[in-house]
């Protein structure tokens, strides 16, 4: 295990690693969008009022959940925080920490889901219609066991207003890994995702009208476990201002999501890279 002084010296830089297109459904674990933030507070309780990190990132991910075709998306990577209160982050959205302690926090934020368009894969989504882009509200909580054993647990519940109009719950855990240094730091951990029937049927179900217009038979996707996965997040520090991040994850669809006729592959992966500057 990496020595604790290394955690303390790097914690103030760790949280600049959110994915460039974090609000798009992807195989990334939900914890990867905010990796290191609770450790930052635990090891460096005195932080400047403003923390600003900006950059550009790219994501290589499936065209939609269950697709075996991939595409690359490019966009901004932004993480702006005011004290231990408010944040504007590509990974976490626009929100506030409503409750917090030295090793835990609870936040409420507004995020955005880009949805799914039939032209993402016309040969396979013809007749399925679109899942429209939609705003979402997220309630999230994080807890670190201790400095001596920096295992972080994270849970989040997200409600979509439009699009799927559904509920999604994510549970995950991660911790720093051996081999970290003053110039390199990495985390890894598992995650699971649950969803209600509205979300599952929007993404994986086939209703009567869709069955009549598409190549698929009617299919009812039930609520429950949607997927399980494992992710790795890495950060390289060029100097005190510039740093690079890389995220990778594999996700396995489960239950009625895996059995959907829309699903082309049960296992998806993602690779995410970004270049960032910290003021």
Foldseek 3Di string as FASTA:
>chain_A
DDDLVLLLLCLVPPQQQAFFQQQEDFQDALCRRGPRPLSSCLNPVDDDQKWWKKWKKKKWWALAPQHPDIDMDIHMFIWIHGRQFWIDGSSFHTWTFPDDDSFKTKIKHKDKYQWHACVSDVQQCFLVGTQHIFIKMKIKMKGAPHSVHGKMKMKMWMATDGRLRWIKIKIKIKDWDPPADNFKTKMKIKMWMWIAQSNCCSRFFADPSSCVRGVDDGGGAHTTTFKMKMKMKMKGHPDPFKIKIKIKMKMFTDGSNCVGPSRPHRIIMMIMIIIMTID
